[in-house]
């Protein structure tokens, strides 16, 4: 007799310890990961963006769970759905933001022979970043109770799909409004994020977006997008944020965002994980140098400098991207990579080593942020850390699934990239990176970066590590989207007047609706 999977059964199943290597879950995860990687390559090549496919993976898993076949009923388990969406999003991000982007740099430069070594470096970079976030999620610098807005949206979508009722209605209302808002080019996701994220961080992001978007009016014709002022501010804010974060974990102090989940991941573990990560990034850079042959092209001194700068840049980029992602749901991974690439130019690295450095650094941030979102979803679905053993087990399985998805994403790119390159389809940022690494360093540029790093550091110092207003302000300055800034600040005003209760679940729905409409809209543009 077939078992009737009701709501109670589903809740009990969410407490199961599901292995990432369970045959049915792993096979379905692989199939969905391949499809996600192909779709995201197509989208970033034609549209220039990468959608967050976590929600798509979650929805597909929910649909499969409702197919009236016994073997599919097990996917009513929220934990299985979470594992599937983890693999799907990991594959999409790694294929588009890590592999396709990095490989296209060498195609533009006319050096396709370096793509395979770059693939090795990209896999090393993304695997290290995924493992590290698995180790430091739930610590003072990356608390499980942090905002991580897309993760909240995915978890609430899965819960609402399972439970229905009032929660389901609220989510559907939010999704409908989010999709409608996105259709009319309104920043629905940004509005939803304001009701989840730290309000000071969102104000900083909104102000930065407005200043960047209307800089030609504010500064009498000066367009900040044509300068390196935002990059300088991010350098200063980023360095100060790193110092603040390291101070927290080395002193073992508790930030204001200390979580109830602190027992699962101590600050000592965070210190150890970041230290080991830096060492592994050094090893990864050495492997990349050997595989690419640049170890014989660089002198001993320059090789040491390249390896150390690659490791430092990867570590710093990973943490900065993670901070921005946690607080705002946005992460300026490309802009931060540009910063480390630009500074690398002043070390006098030749074009190919600089391009390899750029690809290596660009491979760490996106999957770190995506893994953080997915771990937030899992943390919510597993009961917010109340069962410590279950939580730690679930995180480990998610790390496995993200790595599987990430590696699949790179393999898919290697097997299909020539079709895209021959059709002149590639990420627009790859052309920017290729143009930059083939140019020479400018002393005036270095001066600009150093001067504007000072106010960036001061802003971050004033705001403190828990708000990260310096990093978020710089993030806004690096992104040309003033409408998003207007939406964010308007939502802040509404939140201050009316609070957040009326938006509970609906805020996640706005993010989900915006994301779903953006995904299918971009897919339509890419296909037709």
Protein backbone atom coordinates (compact mmCIF):
# COMPACT_ATOMS: atom_id res chain seq x y z
CA UNK A 1 0.00 0.00 0.00
CA UNK A 2 1.38 3.41 -0.99
CA UNK A 3 2.06 5.84 1.79
CA UNK A 4 0.22 9.15 1.78
CA UNK A 5 2.82 11.87 2.24
CA UNK A 6 1.05 14.53 4.26
CA UNK A 7 2.38 17.66 5.92
CA UNK A 8 3.41 15.87 9.09
CA UNK A 9 5.36 13.27 7.13
CA UNK A 10 7.13 16.00 5.21
CA UNK A 11 8.19 17.75 8.40
CA UNK A 12 9.53 14.51 9.83
CA UNK A 13 11.41 13.86 6.61
CA UNK A 14 13.04 17.29 6.85
CA UNK A 15 14.78 16.00 9.98
CA UNK A 16 16.28 13.01 8.15
CA UNK A 17 20.01 12.80 7.60
CA UNK A 18 20.10 12.67 3.82
CA UNK A 19 23.45 11.93 2.20
CA UNK A 20 24.54 13.90 -0.84
CA UNK A 21 25.65 10.57 -2.31
CA UNK A 22 22.25 8.92 -2.01
CA UNK A 23 21.83 7.43 -5.51
CA UNK A 24 18.52 9.04 -6.52
CA UNK A 25 19.40 12.46 -5.10
CA UNK A 26 22.90 12.44 -6.61
CA UNK A 27 21.73 11.36 -10.08
CA UNK A 28 18.92 13.90 -10.21
CA UNK A 29 21.31 16.56 -8.89
CA UNK A 30 23.79 15.78 -11.69
CA UNK A 31 21.11 15.98 -14.40
CA UNK A 32 19.73 19.27 -13.08
CA UNK A 33 23.26 20.66 -12.66
CA UNK A 34 24.10 19.98 -16.31
CA UNK A 35 20.92 21.74 -17.43
CA UNK A 36 21.59 24.67 -15.07
CA UNK A 37 25.14 25.08 -16.37
CA UNK A 38 24.02 25.09 -20.01
CA UNK A 39 21.22 27.58 -19.36
CA UNK A 40 23.41 29.96 -17.35
CA UNK A 41 26.15 29.90 -20.03
CA UNK A 42 23.55 30.80 -22.62
CA UNK A 43 22.16 33.62 -20.51
CA UNK A 44 25.46 35.26 -19.55
CA UNK A 45 26.70 34.97 -23.13
CA UNK A 46 23.67 36.71 -24.63
CA UNK A 47 22.36 38.88 -21.83
CA UNK A 48 25.47 39.48 -19.72
CA UNK A 49 23.99 38.44 -16.37
CA UNK A 50 23.85 35.28 -14.32
CA UNK A 51 20.53 34.46 -12.64
CA UNK A 52 20.40 32.80 -9.25
CA UNK A 53 19.10 29.34 -10.06
CA UNK A 54 18.53 28.26 -6.44
CA UNK A 55 14.82 29.01 -6.68
CA UNK A 56 14.56 27.23 -10.02
CA UNK A 57 16.19 24.15 -8.52
CA UNK A 58 13.85 24.29 -5.52
CA UNK A 59 10.77 24.61 -7.73
CA UNK A 60 11.86 21.75 -9.98
CA UNK A 61 12.41 19.59 -6.89
CA UNK A 62 8.94 20.48 -5.57
CA UNK A 63 7.36 19.60 -8.92
CA UNK A 64 9.19 16.27 -9.09
CA UNK A 65 8.04 15.48 -5.54
CA UNK A 66 4.43 15.77 -6.68
CA UNK A 67 4.72 13.34 -9.58
CA UNK A 68 2.51 10.39 -8.52
CA UNK A 69 5.29 7.82 -8.79
CA UNK A 70 6.59 6.12 -5.66
CA UNK A 71 10.28 6.74 -6.42
CA UNK A 72 9.65 10.49 -6.70
CA UNK A 73 7.67 10.83 -3.46
CA UNK A 74 10.84 10.83 -1.39
CA UNK A 75 11.59 14.29 -2.77
CA UNK A 76 8.85 15.66 -0.55
CA UNK A 77 11.71 15.77 1.94
CA UNK A 78 12.73 19.40 2.41
CA UNK A 79 16.33 18.33 2.93
CA UNK A 80 16.44 16.56 -0.45
CA UNK A 81 14.92 19.62 -2.10
CA UNK A 82 17.58 21.75 -0.42
CA UNK A 83 20.38 19.47 -1.63
CA UNK A 84 19.07 19.62 -5.19
CA UNK A 85 18.81 23.40 -5.26
CA UNK A 86 22.33 23.58 -3.79
CA UNK A 87 23.76 21.54 -6.67
CA UNK A 88 21.75 23.42 -9.29
CA UNK A 89 22.79 26.88 -8.12
CA UNK A 90 26.42 25.79 -7.69
CA UNK A 91 26.54 24.51 -11.27
CA UNK A 92 24.97 27.67 -12.68
CA UNK A 93 27.27 30.04 -10.83
CA UNK A 94 30.44 28.07 -11.54
CA UNK A 95 29.67 27.61 -15.23
CA UNK A 96 28.84 31.24 -15.94
CA UNK A 97 30.78 33.28 -13.38
CA UNK A 98 33.84 31.08 -12.92
CA UNK A 99 34.55 28.86 -15.93
CA UNK A 100 32.96 30.60 -18.92
CA UNK A 101 34.11 34.03 -17.78
CA UNK A 102 37.71 32.97 -17.13
CA UNK A 103 38.10 30.87 -20.28
CA UNK A 104 36.71 33.60 -22.51
CA UNK A 105 39.52 35.94 -21.41
CA UNK A 106 42.07 33.71 -23.15
CA UNK A 107 39.90 33.32 -26.24
CA UNK A 108 39.72 37.11 -26.58
CA UNK A 109 43.49 37.36 -26.07
CA UNK A 110 44.03 34.76 -28.78
CA UNK A 111 45.66 32.33 -26.31
CA UNK A 112 43.27 29.32 -26.13
CA UNK A 113 46.12 27.03 -25.10
CA UNK A 114 45.86 28.38 -21.57
CA UNK A 115 42.19 27.42 -21.13
CA UNK A 116 42.86 23.92 -19.78
CA UNK A 117 45.37 25.18 -17.14
CA UNK A 118 42.84 27.90 -16.28
CA UNK A 119 40.16 25.23 -15.85
CA UNK A 120 42.40 23.48 -13.31
CA UNK A 121 42.89 26.77 -11.47
CA UNK A 122 39.17 27.57 -11.54
CA UNK A 123 38.23 24.20 -10.08
CA UNK A 124 40.84 24.58 -7.33
CA UNK A 125 39.66 28.10 -6.51
CA UNK A 126 35.95 27.30 -6.35
CA UNK A 127 36.44 24.08 -4.35
CA UNK A 128 38.57 25.87 -1.75
CA UNK A 129 36.04 28.70 -1.43
CA UNK A 130 33.13 26.27 -1.00
CA UNK A 131 34.94 24.30 1.70
CA UNK A 132 35.91 27.48 3.56
CA UNK A 133 32.40 28.90 3.68
CA UNK A 134 31.23 25.53 4.96
CA UNK A 135 33.75 25.88 7.78
CA UNK A 136 33.09 29.53 8.72
CA UNK A 137 29.32 29.77 8.23
CA UNK A 138 27.89 30.25 11.72
CA UNK A 139 30.84 32.24 13.12
CA UNK A 140 30.97 35.88 14.19
CA UNK A 141 32.01 37.16 10.76
CA UNK A 142 29.52 35.04 8.80
CA UNK A 143 26.72 34.29 11.27
CA UNK A 144 23.97 31.89 10.30
CA UNK A 145 21.51 34.51 11.54
CA UNK A 146 22.93 37.06 9.11
CA UNK A 147 20.61 38.32 6.38
CA UNK A 148 21.66 36.19 3.36
CA UNK A 149 18.42 37.37 1.61
CA UNK A 150 18.33 34.99 -1.40
CA UNK A 151 18.84 32.09 1.01
CA UNK A 152 15.88 33.21 3.07
CA UNK A 153 13.76 33.53 -0.07
CA UNK A 154 14.63 30.00 -1.22
CA UNK A 155 13.95 28.46 2.19
CA UNK A 156 10.62 30.21 2.58
CA UNK A 157 9.59 29.19 -0.93
CA UNK A 158 10.34 25.55 -0.09
CA UNK A 159 8.49 25.80 3.23
CA UNK A 160 5.49 27.53 1.70
CA UNK A 161 5.30 24.94 -1.06
CA UNK A 162 5.27 22.24 1.58
CA UNK A 163 2.91 23.81 4.12
CA UNK A 164 0.57 25.96 2.01
CA UNK A 165 -2.00 27.85 4.10
CA UNK A 166 -1.43 31.47 5.13
CA UNK A 167 2.32 31.20 4.59
CA UNK A 168 1.74 29.96 1.05
CA UNK A 169 -0.69 32.80 0.33
CA UNK A 170 1.74 35.43 1.56
CA UNK A 171 4.53 33.96 -0.52
CA UNK A 172 2.36 33.83 -3.67
CA UNK A 173 1.32 37.44 -3.10
CA UNK A 174 4.95 38.44 -2.86
CA UNK A 175 5.93 36.40 -5.93
CA UNK A 176 3.16 37.98 -8.00
CA UNK A 177 4.15 41.50 -6.93
CA UNK A 178 7.82 40.72 -7.49
CA UNK A 179 7.21 39.44 -11.03
CA UNK A 180 4.97 42.41 -11.89
CA UNK A 181 7.50 44.85 -10.47
CA UNK A 182 10.33 43.21 -12.41
CA UNK A 183 8.26 43.39 -15.61
CA UNK A 184 7.99 47.16 -15.16
CA UNK A 185 11.73 47.37 -14.34
CA UNK A 186 11.06 48.14 -10.67
CA UNK A 187 13.59 46.87 -8.07
CA UNK A 188 11.25 44.37 -6.41
CA UNK A 189 14.08 42.21 -5.06
CA UNK A 190 15.81 45.23 -3.54
CA UNK A 191 12.60 46.24 -1.77
CA UNK A 192 12.16 42.72 -0.39
CA UNK A 193 15.77 42.56 0.78
CA UNK A 194 15.39 45.77 2.80
CA UNK A 195 12.90 44.01 5.09
CA UNK A 196 15.34 41.16 5.72
CA UNK A 197 18.78 42.76 5.74
CA UNK A 198 20.54 45.12 8.15
CA UNK A 199 18.92 48.52 7.63
CA UNK A 200 22.21 50.46 7.95
CA UNK A 201 23.82 48.27 5.29
CA UNK A 202 20.90 48.84 2.94
CA UNK A 203 21.02 52.61 3.44
CA UNK A 204 24.72 52.57 2.58
CA UNK A 205 24.05 50.47 -0.54
CA UNK A 206 21.17 52.71 -1.63
CA UNK A 207 23.15 55.92 -1.18
CA UNK A 208 26.06 54.44 -3.12
CA UNK A 209 23.76 53.39 -5.97
CA UNK A 210 22.22 56.87 -6.18
CA UNK A 211 25.57 58.67 -6.13
CA UNK A 212 26.91 56.41 -8.89
CA UNK A 213 23.75 56.63 -10.98
CA UNK A 214 23.42 60.41 -10.78
CA UNK A 215 27.10 61.35 -10.41
CA UNK A 216 27.05 63.39 -13.62
CA UNK A 217 24.39 65.62 -12.04
CA UNK A 218 25.80 65.68 -8.52
CA UNK A 219 29.40 66.33 -9.60
CA UNK A 220 28.73 68.63 -12.55
CA UNK A 221 29.30 66.24 -15.44
CA UNK A 222 31.68 63.77 -13.76
CA UNK A 223 30.66 60.17 -14.38
CA UNK A 224 32.02 57.98 -11.56
CA UNK A 225 31.78 54.99 -13.88
CA UNK A 226 34.57 56.48 -15.98
CA UNK A 227 36.89 56.77 -12.97
CA UNK A 228 38.54 54.44 -10.47
CA UNK A 229 37.19 56.36 -7.48
CA UNK A 230 34.69 53.59 -6.56
CA UNK A 231 37.49 51.02 -6.80
CA UNK A 232 39.66 53.08 -4.47
CA UNK A 233 36.85 53.39 -1.93
CA UNK A 234 36.27 49.63 -2.10
CA UNK A 235 39.99 48.98 -1.53
CA UNK A 236 39.99 51.11 1.62
CA UNK A 237 36.67 49.78 2.91
CA UNK A 238 37.63 46.23 2.04
CA UNK A 239 40.97 46.34 3.80
CA UNK A 240 39.37 47.88 6.89
CA UNK A 241 36.62 45.22 6.84
CA UNK A 242 39.24 42.49 6.62
CA UNK A 243 41.14 43.96 9.55
CA UNK A 244 37.92 44.20 11.59
CA UNK A 245 36.98 40.62 10.74
CA UNK A 246 40.40 39.23 11.57
CA UNK A 247 40.38 41.17 14.82
CA UNK A 248 37.09 39.53 15.77
CA UNK A 249 38.21 35.97 15.09
CA UNK A 250 41.71 36.35 16.51
CA UNK A 251 40.44 37.90 19.74
CA UNK A 252 37.53 35.46 19.88
CA UNK A 253 35.13 38.30 20.64
CA UNK A 254 31.46 38.33 19.85
CA UNK A 255 29.97 40.80 17.38
CA UNK A 256 26.50 42.24 17.75
CA UNK A 257 25.30 39.70 15.24
CA UNK A 258 26.40 36.74 17.37
CA UNK A 259 24.10 33.87 16.59
CA UNK A 260 22.43 31.17 18.61
CA UNK A 261 24.32 28.85 16.29
CA UNK A 262 27.74 29.86 17.64
CA UNK A 263 28.33 26.47 19.23
CA UNK A 264 28.48 24.79 15.84
CA UNK A 265 31.30 26.91 14.43
CA UNK A 266 33.66 28.74 16.81
CA UNK A 267 35.75 31.76 15.90
CA UNK A 268 38.84 29.63 16.48
CA UNK A 269 37.61 27.38 13.67
CA UNK A 270 37.11 30.42 11.48
CA UNK A 271 40.65 31.59 12.14
CA UNK A 272 41.97 28.14 11.34
CA UNK A 273 39.83 27.80 8.19
CA UNK A 274 40.88 31.17 6.76
CA UNK A 275 44.53 30.45 7.52
CA UNK A 276 44.37 27.06 5.88
CA UNK A 277 42.45 28.54 2.99
CA UNK A 278 45.27 31.01 2.36
CA UNK A 279 47.80 28.16 2.36
CA UNK A 280 45.65 26.13 -0.05
CA UNK A 281 45.28 29.16 -2.32
CA UNK A 282 49.09 29.36 -2.39
CA UNK A 283 49.26 25.69 -3.35
CA UNK A 284 46.55 26.23 -5.97
CA UNK A 285 48.43 29.18 -7.45
CA UNK A 286 51.60 27.08 -7.66
CA UNK A 287 49.72 24.28 -9.42
CA UNK A 288 48.26 26.84 -11.85
CA UNK A 289 51.73 28.27 -12.47
CA UNK A 290 53.14 24.82 -13.22
CA UNK A 291 50.19 23.71 -15.37
CA UNK A 292 50.28 26.88 -17.45
CA UNK A 293 54.05 27.00 -17.82
CA UNK A 294 54.43 30.52 -16.45
CA UNK A 295 56.67 29.11 -13.71
CA UNK A 296 59.45 29.11 -16.33
CA UNK A 297 58.50 32.52 -17.76
CA UNK A 298 58.64 34.43 -14.47
CA UNK A 299 61.84 34.99 -12.57
CA UNK A 300 62.07 33.56 -9.05
CA UNK A 301 61.24 36.85 -7.35
CA UNK A 302 58.31 37.62 -9.63
CA UNK A 303 56.99 34.06 -9.30
CA UNK A 304 56.94 34.34 -5.50
CA UNK A 305 55.21 37.72 -5.76
CA UNK A 306 52.65 36.31 -8.22
CA UNK A 307 51.85 33.29 -6.06
CA UNK A 308 51.50 35.34 -2.86
CA UNK A 309 49.42 38.04 -4.55
CA UNK A 310 47.16 35.41 -6.15
CA UNK A 311 46.61 33.75 -2.77
CA UNK A 312 46.00 37.04 -0.93
CA UNK A 313 43.69 38.32 -3.68
CA UNK A 314 41.68 35.09 -3.67
CA UNK A 315 41.33 35.13 0.12
CA UNK A 316 40.42 38.82 0.33
CA UNK A 317 38.04 38.64 -2.65
CA UNK A 318 36.28 35.63 -1.15
CA UNK A 319 35.69 37.40 2.18
CA UNK A 320 34.66 40.73 0.64
CA UNK A 321 32.23 39.13 -1.78
CA UNK A 322 30.84 37.06 1.09
CA UNK A 323 30.31 40.11 3.30
CA UNK A 324 28.45 42.01 0.58
CA UNK A 325 26.37 38.93 -0.26
CA UNK A 326 25.45 38.29 3.37
CA UNK A 327 24.36 41.85 4.13
CA UNK A 328 22.70 42.86 0.88
CA UNK A 329 22.10 39.89 -1.41
CA UNK A 330 24.37 41.59 -3.95
CA UNK A 331 28.01 40.80 -4.49
CA UNK A 332 30.30 42.86 -6.77
CA UNK A 333 32.55 39.90 -7.63
CA UNK A 334 33.62 41.27 -11.02
CA UNK A 335 34.43 44.72 -9.62
CA UNK A 336 36.45 43.27 -6.75
CA UNK A 337 38.36 41.04 -9.20
CA UNK A 338 39.10 44.15 -11.26
CA UNK A 339 40.65 45.78 -8.19
CA UNK A 340 43.10 42.94 -7.53
CA UNK A 341 43.83 42.62 -11.25
CA UNK A 342 44.56 46.36 -11.49
CA UNK A 343 46.89 46.32 -8.48
CA UNK A 344 48.56 43.24 -9.99
CA UNK A 345 49.47 45.35 -13.01
CA UNK A 346 51.72 47.47 -10.79
CA UNK A 347 53.73 44.38 -9.85
CA UNK A 348 54.77 44.24 -13.49
CA UNK A 349 53.24 40.81 -14.21
CA UNK A 350 53.18 39.96 -17.95
CA UNK A 351 49.86 39.63 -19.78
CA UNK A 352 49.35 35.84 -19.45
CA UNK A 353 50.24 35.60 -15.72
CA UNK A 354 47.96 38.58 -15.09
CA UNK A 355 45.13 36.93 -17.04
CA UNK A 356 45.62 33.69 -15.06
CA UNK A 357 45.57 35.70 -11.82
CA UNK A 358 42.32 37.34 -12.91
CA UNK A 359 40.65 34.04 -13.76
CA UNK A 360 41.83 32.46 -10.51
CA UNK A 361 40.50 35.29 -8.35
CA UNK A 362 37.20 35.51 -10.26
CA UNK A 363 36.57 31.82 -9.51
CA UNK A 364 36.34 32.12 -5.72
CA UNK A 365 33.77 34.80 -4.90
CA UNK A 366 30.62 33.69 -6.75
CA UNK A 367 30.54 30.13 -5.36
CA UNK A 368 31.43 31.39 -1.86
CA UNK A 369 28.40 33.72 -1.95
CA UNK A 370 26.15 31.07 -3.49
CA UNK A 371 27.20 28.50 -0.90
CA UNK A 372 26.41 31.04 1.84
CA UNK A 373 22.91 31.53 0.45
CA UNK A 374 22.35 27.78 0.20
CA UNK A 375 23.64 27.16 3.73
CA UNK A 376 21.25 29.84 5.00
CA UNK A 377 18.38 28.01 3.28
CA UNK A 378 19.46 24.72 4.83
CA UNK A 379 19.88 26.29 8.27
CA UNK A 380 16.29 27.57 8.17
CA UNK A 381 14.86 24.29 6.86
CA UNK A 382 16.74 22.22 9.45
CA UNK A 383 15.31 24.22 12.35
CA UNK A 384 17.80 27.10 12.69
CA UNK A 385 20.48 25.13 14.46
CA UNK A 386 18.35 23.71 17.26
CA UNK A 387 19.69 20.21 16.50
CA UNK A 388 23.42 20.85 16.32
CA UNK A 389 24.34 17.38 15.09
CA UNK A 390 21.74 17.51 12.30
CA UNK A 391 22.84 21.01 11.30
CA UNK A 392 26.51 20.11 11.00
CA UNK A 393 25.69 16.95 9.07
CA UNK A 394 23.38 18.84 6.71
CA UNK A 395 25.98 21.53 6.06
CA UNK A 396 28.57 18.92 5.14
CA UNK A 397 26.20 17.31 2.63
CA UNK A 398 25.44 20.71 1.11
CA UNK A 399 29.16 21.39 0.71
CA UNK A 400 29.49 18.07 -1.14
CA UNK A 401 26.58 18.94 -3.43
CA UNK A 402 27.90 22.44 -4.15
CA UNK A 403 31.30 21.01 -5.07
CA UNK A 404 29.67 18.41 -7.32
CA UNK A 405 27.59 21.10 -9.01
CA UNK A 406 30.58 23.44 -9.29
CA UNK A 407 32.83 20.86 -10.93
CA UNK A 408 30.03 19.83 -13.30
CA UNK A 409 29.66 23.48 -14.28
CA UNK A 410 33.33 23.74 -15.27
CA UNK A 411 33.20 20.45 -17.22
CA UNK A 412 30.10 21.60 -19.12
CA UNK A 413 31.91 24.81 -20.10
CA UNK A 414 34.95 22.89 -21.34
CA UNK A 415 32.77 20.60 -23.47
CA UNK A 416 30.58 23.31 -25.00
CA UNK A 417 32.53 26.61 -24.95
CA UNK A 418 33.71 26.42 -28.58
CA UNK A 419 30.11 26.53 -29.79
CA UNK A 420 29.64 29.81 -27.94
CA UNK A 421 33.00 31.29 -28.89
CA UNK A 422 32.46 30.55 -32.59
CA UNK A 423 29.10 32.32 -32.35
CA UNK A 424 30.85 35.25 -30.62
CA UNK A 425 28.88 34.65 -27.42
CA UNK A 426 30.80 35.25 -24.21
CA UNK A 427 30.46 37.20 -20.95
CA UNK A 428 30.95 40.94 -21.67
CA UNK A 429 33.14 41.28 -18.57
CA UNK A 430 35.60 38.82 -20.15
CA UNK A 431 36.33 41.35 -22.90
CA UNK A 432 36.87 44.02 -20.25
CA UNK A 433 39.31 41.80 -18.35
CA UNK A 434 41.16 40.88 -21.55
CA UNK A 435 41.50 44.54 -22.56
CA UNK A 436 42.73 45.52 -19.11
CA UNK A 437 45.38 42.81 -18.73
CA UNK A 438 46.80 43.67 -22.14
CA UNK A 439 47.26 47.35 -21.18
CA UNK A 440 50.02 48.90 -19.10
CA UNK A 441 49.93 50.26 -15.54
CA UNK A 442 49.28 53.96 -15.03
CA UNK A 443 50.92 55.79 -12.11
CA UNK A 444 48.00 58.24 -11.95
CA UNK A 445 45.62 55.29 -11.53
CA UNK A 446 47.57 54.03 -8.52
CA UNK A 447 47.46 57.51 -6.99
CA UNK A 448 43.68 57.64 -7.45
CA UNK A 449 43.23 54.24 -5.79
CA UNK A 450 45.38 55.20 -2.79
CA UNK A 451 43.74 58.60 -2.26
CA UNK A 452 40.18 57.30 -2.35
CA UNK A 453 41.01 54.28 -0.22
CA UNK A 454 41.25 56.65 2.76
CA UNK A 455 37.57 57.74 2.89
CA UNK A 456 36.53 54.15 2.18
CA UNK A 457 38.48 52.93 5.21
CA UNK A 458 37.07 55.72 7.40
CA UNK A 459 33.45 54.95 6.45
CA UNK A 460 33.95 51.26 7.16
CA UNK A 461 35.66 52.03 10.47
CA UNK A 462 32.78 54.24 11.59
CA UNK A 463 30.11 51.69 10.69
CA UNK A 464 31.88 48.75 12.32
CA UNK A 465 32.12 45.10 11.22
CA UNK A 466 28.49 44.16 11.85
CA UNK A 467 27.05 46.72 9.43
CA UNK A 468 29.78 46.76 6.76
CA UNK A 469 28.54 50.14 5.50
CA UNK A 470 31.86 50.98 3.85
CA UNK A 471 31.85 47.83 1.73
CA UNK A 472 28.16 48.23 0.88
CA UNK A 473 28.58 51.91 0.02
CA UNK A 474 31.45 50.99 -2.30
CA UNK A 475 29.33 48.18 -3.76
CA UNK A 476 26.68 50.74 -4.69
CA UNK A 477 29.29 53.00 -6.28
CA UNK A 478 30.51 50.10 -8.44
CA UNK A 479 27.05 49.27 -9.83
CA UNK A 480 25.20 51.49 -12.29
CA UNK A 481 21.59 50.98 -11.21
CA UNK A 482 20.08 54.15 -9.70
CA UNK A 483 16.51 52.82 -9.86
CA UNK A 484 17.55 50.02 -7.51
CA UNK A 485 18.94 52.67 -5.14
CA UNK A 486 15.66 54.62 -5.19
CA UNK A 487 13.71 51.44 -4.45
CA UNK A 488 16.03 50.47 -1.60
CA UNK A 489 15.84 53.88 0.13
CA UNK A 490 12.07 54.12 -0.36
CA UNK A 491 11.68 50.70 1.24
CA UNK A 492 13.89 51.82 4.12
CA UNK A 493 11.50 54.72 4.78
CA UNK A 494 8.51 52.35 4.70
CA UNK A 495 10.27 49.96 7.08
CA UNK A 496 11.04 52.78 9.53
CA UNK A 497 7.39 53.90 9.52
CA UNK A 498 5.51 50.59 9.42
CA UNK A 499 8.03 48.02 10.64
CA UNK A 500 8.60 44.60 9.06
CA UNK A 501 5.74 42.42 10.33
CA UNK A 502 3.38 43.12 7.42
CA UNK A 503 6.10 42.05 4.99
CA UNK A 504 6.99 38.72 6.61
CA UNK A 505 7.11 35.99 3.92
CA UNK A 506 6.01 38.59 1.35
CA UNK A 507 9.54 40.02 1.38
CA UNK A 508 10.93 36.64 0.37
CA UNK A 509 8.20 36.42 -2.24
CA UNK A 510 9.29 39.72 -3.77
CA UNK A 511 12.85 38.41 -4.07
CA UNK A 512 11.60 35.12 -5.51
CA UNK A 513 9.20 36.77 -7.96
CA UNK A 514 11.85 39.18 -9.18
CA UNK A 515 14.35 36.34 -9.53
CA UNK A 516 11.94 34.01 -11.34
CA UNK A 517 10.81 36.67 -13.79
CA UNK A 518 14.41 37.72 -14.37
CA UNK A 519 15.46 34.13 -15.00
CA UNK A 520 12.77 33.29 -17.53
CA UNK A 521 12.99 36.71 -19.17
CA UNK A 522 16.75 36.33 -19.60
CA UNK A 523 16.31 32.75 -20.80
CA UNK A 524 13.78 33.91 -23.39
CA UNK A 525 16.16 36.63 -24.60
CA UNK A 526 19.01 34.15 -24.78
CA UNK A 527 17.04 31.56 -26.72
CA UNK A 528 15.30 33.81 -29.25
